Amino acid sequence: MRPHARRGFYVVMILLAYVGGLVVLVGVPLQLFLTITHQCGTVAAGVLQLSSCGQPLLIATAALTLGLSVAVGGIARVFLQREHFGPLWLTLLTLGSLYAVSAALDDMRSALSALHQLSRGDNITAGAFIGFWILMVGYAAKAAWDESRDRVADQLRALIRRWDKSASGRNDRRCPHCGQVMPHDTVTPAEDVIA
């Protein structure tokens, strides 16, 4: 396989792993949450009541969500590095993940609004789970944003270093014989001369 084709293959595999991981992170905990609330709970007048097995299952689902978020975020931090992933692909992935997260947050906002009586029954538990789930999806999707931010910061640092070097070259003078850099002569203010 040619190097260019190999690199393209790696980019596609990284995209599939990261996007697939995000899809699993969004879908699996949500489906488990819906199954738990329907199988191990009842809803009457907008108030959710979980059975004795419902809350432990919800806690286990939250732990699974945490594990999936850490795994997807870890995959992204390793494989979205500069040597694996080009700037164009990273930009597209960042924009796509931000759009997907905002769409998921909008869906979850409507789900939370259905639990309008959060202080009654197990609605507060369900609301806490949904909030935690949103946070974990956001952290995993943020990995692409973090890599983009770090690359921009590296470019800006390099630009500032070049500016500093060129500015120090203008302010310093060199000895014409040995080339040693000598600081620019400072002008003494008139007040110091008079005093």
C-alpha atoms as a PDB file:
ATOM      1  CA  MET A   1       0.000   0.000   0.000  1.00  0.00           C
ATOM      2  CA  ARG A   2       1.344   3.448  -0.922  1.00  0.00           C
ATOM      3  CA  PRO A   3       2.120   5.904   1.921  1.00  0.00           C
ATOM      4  CA  HIS A   4      -0.591   8.342   0.798  1.00  0.00           C
ATOM      5  CA  ALA A   5      -3.207   5.582   0.612  1.00  0.00           C
ATOM      6  CA  ARG A   6      -2.052   4.187   3.958  1.00  0.00           C
ATOM      7  CA  ARG A   7      -2.435   7.603   5.586  1.00  0.00           C
ATOM      8  CA  GLY A   8      -5.936   7.962   4.097  1.00  0.00           C
ATOM      9  CA  PHE A   9      -6.815   4.511   5.421  1.00  0.00           C
ATOM     10  CA  TYR A  10      -5.621   5.492   8.909  1.00  0.00           C
ATOM     11  CA  VAL A  11      -7.651   8.717   8.809  1.00  0.00           C
ATOM     12  CA  VAL A  12     -10.792   6.796   7.847  1.00  0.00           C
ATOM     13  CA  MET A  13     -10.201   4.234  10.601  1.00  0.00           C
ATOM     14  CA  ILE A  14      -9.655   6.986  13.189  1.00  0.00           C
ATOM     15  CA  LEU A  15     -12.843   8.727  12.056  1.00  0.00           C
ATOM     16  CA  LEU A  16     -14.821   5.495  12.270  1.00  0.00           C
ATOM     17  CA  ALA A  17     -13.438   4.657  15.721  1.00  0.00           C
ATOM     18  CA  TYR A  18     -14.104   8.120  17.150  1.00  0.00           C
ATOM     19  CA  VAL A  19     -17.495   8.711  15.542  1.00  0.00           C
ATOM     20  CA  GLY A  20     -18.532   5.125  16.269  1.00  0.00           C
ATOM     21  CA  GLY A  21     -17.466   5.569  19.881  1.00  0.00           C
ATOM     22  CA  LEU A  22     -19.529   8.756  20.141  1.00  0.00           C
ATOM     23  CA  VAL A  23     -22.547   6.995  18.649  1.00  0.00           C
ATOM     24  CA  VAL A  24     -22.184   4.172  21.189  1.00  0.00           C
ATOM     25  CA  LEU A  25     -21.734   6.715  23.992  1.00  0.00           C
ATOM     26  CA  VAL A  26     -24.888   8.546  22.954  1.00  0.00           C
ATOM     27  CA  GLY A  27     -27.037   5.515  22.120  1.00  0.00           C
ATOM     28  CA  VAL A  28     -26.219   2.760  24.602  1.00  0.00           C
ATOM     29  CA  PRO A  29     -26.688   4.670  27.884  1.00  0.00           C
ATOM     30  CA  LEU A  30     -29.824   6.336  26.528  1.00  0.00           C
ATOM     31  CA  GLN A  31     -31.346   3.007  25.507  1.00  0.00           C
ATOM     32  CA  LEU A  32     -30.420   1.478  28.867  1.00  0.00           C
ATOM     33  CA  PHE A  33     -31.966   4.477  30.642  1.00  0.00           C
ATOM     34  CA  LEU A  34     -35.201   4.120  28.679  1.00  0.00           C
ATOM     35  CA  THR A  35     -35.303   0.360  29.308  1.00  0.00           C
ATOM     36  CA  ILE A  36     -34.678   0.785  33.037  1.00  0.00           C
ATOM     37  CA  THR A  37     -37.314   3.488  33.440  1.00  0.00           C
ATOM     38  CA  HIS A  38     -39.888   1.456  31.479  1.00  0.00           C
ATOM     39  CA  GLN A  39     -39.121  -2.021  32.874  1.00  0.00           C
ATOM     40  CA  CYS A  40     -38.164  -1.114  36.450  1.00  0.00           C
ATOM     41  CA  GLY A  41     -40.353   1.913  37.005  1.00  0.00           C
ATOM     42  CA  THR A  42     -43.765   3.439  36.572  1.00  0.00           C
ATOM     43  CA  VAL A  43     -44.812   6.922  35.563  1.00  0.00           C
ATOM     44  CA  ALA A  44     -48.011   8.363  36.993  1.00  0.00           C
ATOM     45  CA  ALA A  45     -48.997  12.026  36.569  1.00  0.00           C
ATOM     46  CA  GLY A  46     -45.483  12.898  35.352  1.00  0.00           C
ATOM     47  CA  VAL A  47     -43.782  11.350  38.389  1.00  0.00           C
ATOM     48  CA  LEU A  48     -41.315   8.474  37.906  1.00  0.00           C
ATOM     49  CA  GLN A  49     -41.134   5.770  40.583  1.00  0.00           C
ATOM     50  CA  LEU A  50     -38.291   3.249  40.216  1.00  0.00           C
ATOM     51  CA  SER A  51     -38.457  -0.222  41.719  1.00  0.00           C
ATOM     52  CA  SER A  52     -35.800  -1.488  44.137  1.00  0.00           C
ATOM     53  CA  CYS A  53     -33.688  -2.750  41.217  1.00  0.00           C
ATOM     54  CA  GLY A  54     -34.118   0.421  39.147  1.00  0.00           C
ATOM     55  CA  GLN A  55     -31.756   2.699  41.055  1.00  0.00           C
ATOM     56  CA  PRO A  56     -28.802   0.235  41.149  1.00  0.00           C
ATOM     57  CA  LEU A  57     -29.259  -0.382  37.431  1.00  0.00           C
ATOM     58  CA  LEU A  58     -29.265   3.357  36.813  1.00  0.00           C
ATOM     59  CA  ILE A  59     -26.043   3.715  38.836  1.00  0.00           C
ATOM     60  CA  ALA A  60     -24.476   0.879  36.839  1.00  0.00           C
ATOM     61  CA  THR A  61     -25.521   2.632  33.618  1.00  0.00           C
ATOM     62  CA  ALA A  62     -23.914   5.852  34.861  1.00  0.00           C
ATOM     63  CA  ALA A  63     -20.686   3.924  35.556  1.00  0.00           C
ATOM     64  CA  LEU A  64     -20.821   2.445  32.041  1.00  0.00           C
ATOM     65  CA  THR A  65     -21.364   5.955  30.648  1.00  0.00           C
ATOM     66  CA  LEU A  66     -18.307   7.207  32.515  1.00  0.00           C
ATOM     67  CA  GLY A  67     -16.202   4.316  31.193  1.00  0.00           C
ATOM     68  CA  LEU A  68     -17.350   4.860  27.616  1.00  0.00           C
ATOM     69  CA  SER A  69     -16.651   8.595  27.846  1.00  0.00           C
ATOM     70  CA  VAL A  70     -13.132   8.000  29.162  1.00  0.00           C
ATOM     71  CA  ALA A  71     -12.457   5.397  26.451  1.00  0.00           C
ATOM     72  CA  VAL A  72     -13.738   7.556  23.572  1.00  0.00           C
ATOM     73  CA  GLY A  73     -11.927  10.642  24.880  1.00  0.00           C
ATOM     74  CA  GLY A  74      -8.714   8.615  25.306  1.00  0.00           C
ATOM     75  CA  ILE A  75      -8.932   7.274  21.771  1.00  0.00           C
ATOM     76  CA  ALA A  76      -9.375  10.812  20.491  1.00  0.00           C
ATOM     77  CA  ARG A  77      -6.440  12.225  22.474  1.00  0.00           C
ATOM     78  CA  VAL A  78      -4.107   9.570  21.062  1.00  0.00           C
ATOM     79  CA  PHE A  79      -5.226   9.391  17.450  1.00  0.00           C
ATOM     80  CA  LEU A  80      -6.189  12.988  16.708  1.00  0.00           C
ATOM     81  CA  GLN A  81      -2.555  14.062  17.116  1.00  0.00           C
ATOM     82  CA  ARG A  82      -0.863  16.019  14.324  1.00  0.00           C
ATOM     83  CA  GLU A  83       1.118  13.015  13.056  1.00  0.00           C
ATOM     84  CA  HIS A  84      -2.068  10.972  12.520  1.00  0.00           C
ATOM     85  CA  PHE A  85      -4.675  13.543  11.584  1.00  0.00           C
ATOM     86  CA  GLY A  86      -4.409  16.523   9.227  1.00  0.00           C
ATOM     87  CA  PRO A  87      -5.828  19.989   9.930  1.00  0.00           C
ATOM     88  CA  LEU A  88      -8.626  19.788   7.340  1.00  0.00           C
ATOM     89  CA  TRP A  89      -9.943  16.495   8.720  1.00  0.00           C
ATOM     90  CA  LEU A  90      -9.632  17.798  12.273  1.00  0.00           C
ATOM     91  CA  THR A  91     -11.610  20.925  11.407  1.00  0.00           C
ATOM     92  CA  LEU A  92     -14.383  18.879   9.801  1.00  0.00           C
ATOM     93  CA  LEU A  93     -14.457  16.467  12.724  1.00  0.00           C
ATOM     94  CA  THR A  94     -14.557  19.303  15.265  1.00  0.00           C
ATOM     95  CA  LEU A  95     -17.437  21.029  13.496  1.00  0.00           C
ATOM     96  CA  GLY A  96     -19.300  17.732  13.085  1.00  0.00           C
ATOM     97  CA  SER A  97     -18.874  16.727  16.715  1.00  0.00           C
ATOM     98  CA  LEU A  98     -19.953  20.172  17.947  1.00  0.00           C
ATOM     99  CA  TYR A  99     -23.067  19.961  15.776  1.00  0.00           C
ATOM    100  CA  ALA A 100     -23.840  16.434  17.000  1.00  0.00           C
ATOM    101  CA  VAL A 101     -23.412  17.415  20.647  1.00  0.00           C
ATOM    102  CA  SER A 102     -25.616  20.485  20.247  1.00  0.00           C
ATOM    103  CA  ALA A 103     -28.325  18.347  18.598  1.00  0.00           C
ATOM    104  CA  ALA A 104     -28.072  15.756  21.394  1.00  0.00           C
ATOM    105  CA  LEU A 105     -28.274  18.506  24.019  1.00  0.00           C
ATOM    106  CA  ASP A 106     -31.410  19.863  22.384  1.00  0.00           C
ATOM    107  CA  ASP A 107     -33.010  16.398  22.515  1.00  0.00           C
ATOM    108  CA  MET A 108     -32.013  16.007  26.152  1.00  0.00           C
ATOM    109  CA  ARG A 109     -33.376  19.450  27.009  1.00  0.00           C
ATOM    110  CA  SER A 110     -36.782  18.314  25.779  1.00  0.00           C
ATOM    111  CA  ALA A 111     -36.403  15.058  27.727  1.00  0.00           C
ATOM    112  CA  LEU A 112     -35.590  16.991  30.894  1.00  0.00           C
ATOM    113  CA  SER A 113     -38.553  19.296  30.376  1.00  0.00           C
ATOM    114  CA  ALA A 114     -40.784  16.204  30.397  1.00  0.00           C
ATOM    115  CA  LEU A 115     -39.610  15.618  33.967  1.00  0.00           C
ATOM    116  CA  HIS A 116     -41.177  18.897  35.017  1.00  0.00           C
ATOM    117  CA  GLN A 117     -41.765  17.834  38.615  1.00  0.00           C
ATOM    118  CA  LEU A 118     -38.129  17.108  39.475  1.00  0.00           C
ATOM    119  CA  SER A 119     -38.689  17.246  43.214  1.00  0.00           C
ATOM    120  CA  ARG A 120     -41.161  14.379  43.251  1.00  0.00           C
ATOM    121  CA  GLY A 121     -40.506  10.651  43.147  1.00  0.00           C
ATOM    122  CA  ASP A 122     -37.434   9.494  41.254  1.00  0.00           C
ATOM    123  CA  ASN A 123     -37.603  12.314  38.715  1.00  0.00           C
ATOM    124  CA  ILE A 124     -34.582  13.914  40.374  1.00  0.00           C
ATOM    125  CA  THR A 125     -32.607  10.671  39.901  1.00  0.00           C
ATOM    126  CA  ALA A 126     -33.598  10.491  36.238  1.00  0.00           C
ATOM    127  CA  GLY A 127     -32.738  14.166  35.767  1.00  0.00           C
ATOM    128  CA  ALA A 128     -29.358  13.689  37.441  1.00  0.00           C
ATOM    129  CA  PHE A 129     -28.598  10.740  35.164  1.00  0.00           C
ATOM    130  CA  ILE A 130     -29.512  12.716  32.038  1.00  0.00           C
ATOM    131  CA  GLY A 131     -27.365  15.643  33.188  1.00  0.00           C
ATOM    132  CA  PHE A 132     -24.428  13.299  33.882  1.00  0.00           C
ATOM    133  CA  TRP A 133     -24.893  11.609  30.515  1.00  0.00           C
ATOM    134  CA  ILE A 134     -24.849  14.994  28.733  1.00  0.00           C
ATOM    135  CA  LEU A 135     -21.663  15.912  30.588  1.00  0.00           C
ATOM    136  CA  MET A 136     -19.926  12.662  29.592  1.00  0.00           C
ATOM    137  CA  VAL A 137     -20.918  13.029  25.928  1.00  0.00           C
ATOM    138  CA  GLY A 138     -19.651  16.599  25.989  1.00  0.00           C
ATOM    139  CA  TYR A 139     -16.307  15.580  27.493  1.00  0.00           C
ATOM    140  CA  ALA A 140     -15.779  12.869  24.877  1.00  0.00           C
ATOM    141  CA  ALA A 141     -16.738  15.197  22.002  1.00  0.00           C
ATOM    142  CA  LYS A 142     -14.528  17.957  23.431  1.00  0.00           C
ATOM    143  CA  ALA A 143     -11.393  15.962  22.593  1.00  0.00           C
ATOM    144  CA  ALA A 144     -11.521  17.097  18.946  1.00  0.00           C
ATOM    145  CA  TRP A 145     -12.022  20.690  20.090  1.00  0.00           C
ATOM    146  CA  ASP A 146      -9.073  20.383  22.514  1.00  0.00           C
ATOM    147  CA  GLU A 147      -6.767  19.150  19.761  1.00  0.00           C
ATOM    148  CA  SER A 148      -7.848  21.995  17.466  1.00  0.00           C
ATOM    149  CA  ARG A 149      -7.275  24.529  20.267  1.00  0.00           C
ATOM    150  CA  ASP A 150      -3.819  23.084  21.024  1.00  0.00           C
ATOM    151  CA  ARG A 151      -2.765  23.272  17.378  1.00  0.00           C
ATOM    152  CA  VAL A 152      -3.885  26.893  17.091  1.00  0.00           C
ATOM    153  CA  ALA A 153      -2.022  27.701  20.338  1.00  0.00           C
ATOM    154  CA  ASP A 154       1.160  26.044  18.983  1.00  0.00           C
ATOM    155  CA  GLN A 155       0.949  28.071  15.769  1.00  0.00           C
ATOM    156  CA  LEU A 156       0.406  31.286  17.732  1.00  0.00           C
ATOM    157  CA  ARG A 157       3.362  30.531  20.059  1.00  0.00           C
ATOM    158  CA  ALA A 158       5.632  29.933  17.064  1.00  0.00           C
ATOM    159  CA  LEU A 159       4.490  33.200  15.483  1.00  0.00           C
ATOM    160  CA  ILE A 160       5.117  35.132  18.700  1.00  0.00           C
ATOM    161  CA  ARG A 161       8.608  33.596  19.002  1.00  0.00           C
ATOM    162  CA  ARG A 162       9.409  34.697  15.451  1.00  0.00           C
ATOM    163  CA  TRP A 163       8.164  38.204  16.243  1.00  0.00           C
ATOM    164  CA  ASP A 164      10.239  38.277  19.437  1.00  0.00           C
ATOM    165  CA  LYS A 165      13.367  37.186  17.586  1.00  0.00           C
ATOM    166  CA  SER A 166      12.916  39.760  14.855  1.00  0.00           C
ATOM    167  CA  ALA A 167      12.139  42.490  17.419  1.00  0.00           C
ATOM    168  CA  SER A 168      15.208  41.626  19.514  1.00  0.00           C
ATOM    169  CA  GLY A 169      17.330  41.673  16.370  1.00  0.00           C
ATOM    170  CA  ARG A 170      16.213  45.230  15.668  1.00  0.00           C
ATOM    171  CA  ASN A 171      16.843  46.379  19.246  1.00  0.00           C
ATOM    172  CA  ASP A 172      20.273  44.803  19.651  1.00  0.00           C
ATOM    173  CA  ARG A 173      23.400  45.687  17.734  1.00  0.00           C
ATOM    174  CA  ARG A 174      26.304  43.451  16.842  1.00  0.00           C
ATOM    175  CA  CYS A 175      29.992  44.181  17.132  1.00  0.00           C
ATOM    176  CA  PRO A 176      31.299  44.548  13.577  1.00  0.00           C
ATOM    177  CA  HIS A 177      34.491  42.641  14.486  1.00  0.00           C
ATOM    178  CA  CYS A 178      33.384  39.619  16.527  1.00  0.00           C
ATOM    179  CA  GLY A 179      29.580  39.544  15.947  1.00  0.00           C
ATOM    180  CA  GLN A 180      28.742  39.624  19.674  1.00  0.00           C
ATOM    181  CA  VAL A 181      25.234  40.948  20.342  1.00  0.00           C
ATOM    182  CA  MET A 182      25.330  44.079  22.444  1.00  0.00           C
ATOM    183  CA  PRO A 183      22.184  45.561  23.973  1.00  0.00           C
ATOM    184  CA  HIS A 184      20.901  48.748  22.467  1.00  0.00           C
ATOM    185  CA  ASP A 185      22.154  51.887  24.244  1.00  0.00           C
ATOM    186  CA  THR A 186      19.628  53.220  26.688  1.00  0.00           C
ATOM    187  CA  VAL A 187      18.887  56.905  26.720  1.00  0.00           C
ATOM    188  CA  THR A 188      18.943  58.474  30.167  1.00  0.00           C
ATOM    189  CA  PRO A 189      15.891  60.633  30.845  1.00  0.00           C
ATOM    190  CA  ALA A 190      16.619  64.340  31.289  1.00  0.00           C
ATOM    191  CA  GLU A 191      15.290  64.321  34.861  1.00  0.00           C
ATOM    192  CA  ASP A 192      17.955  61.766  35.896  1.00  0.00           C
ATOM    193  CA  VAL A 193      20.742  63.874  34.299  1.00  0.00           C
ATOM    194  CA  ILE A 194      19.610  67.066  36.091  1.00  0.00           C
ATOM    195  CA  ALA A 195      19.291  65.321  39.461  1.00  0.00           C
END
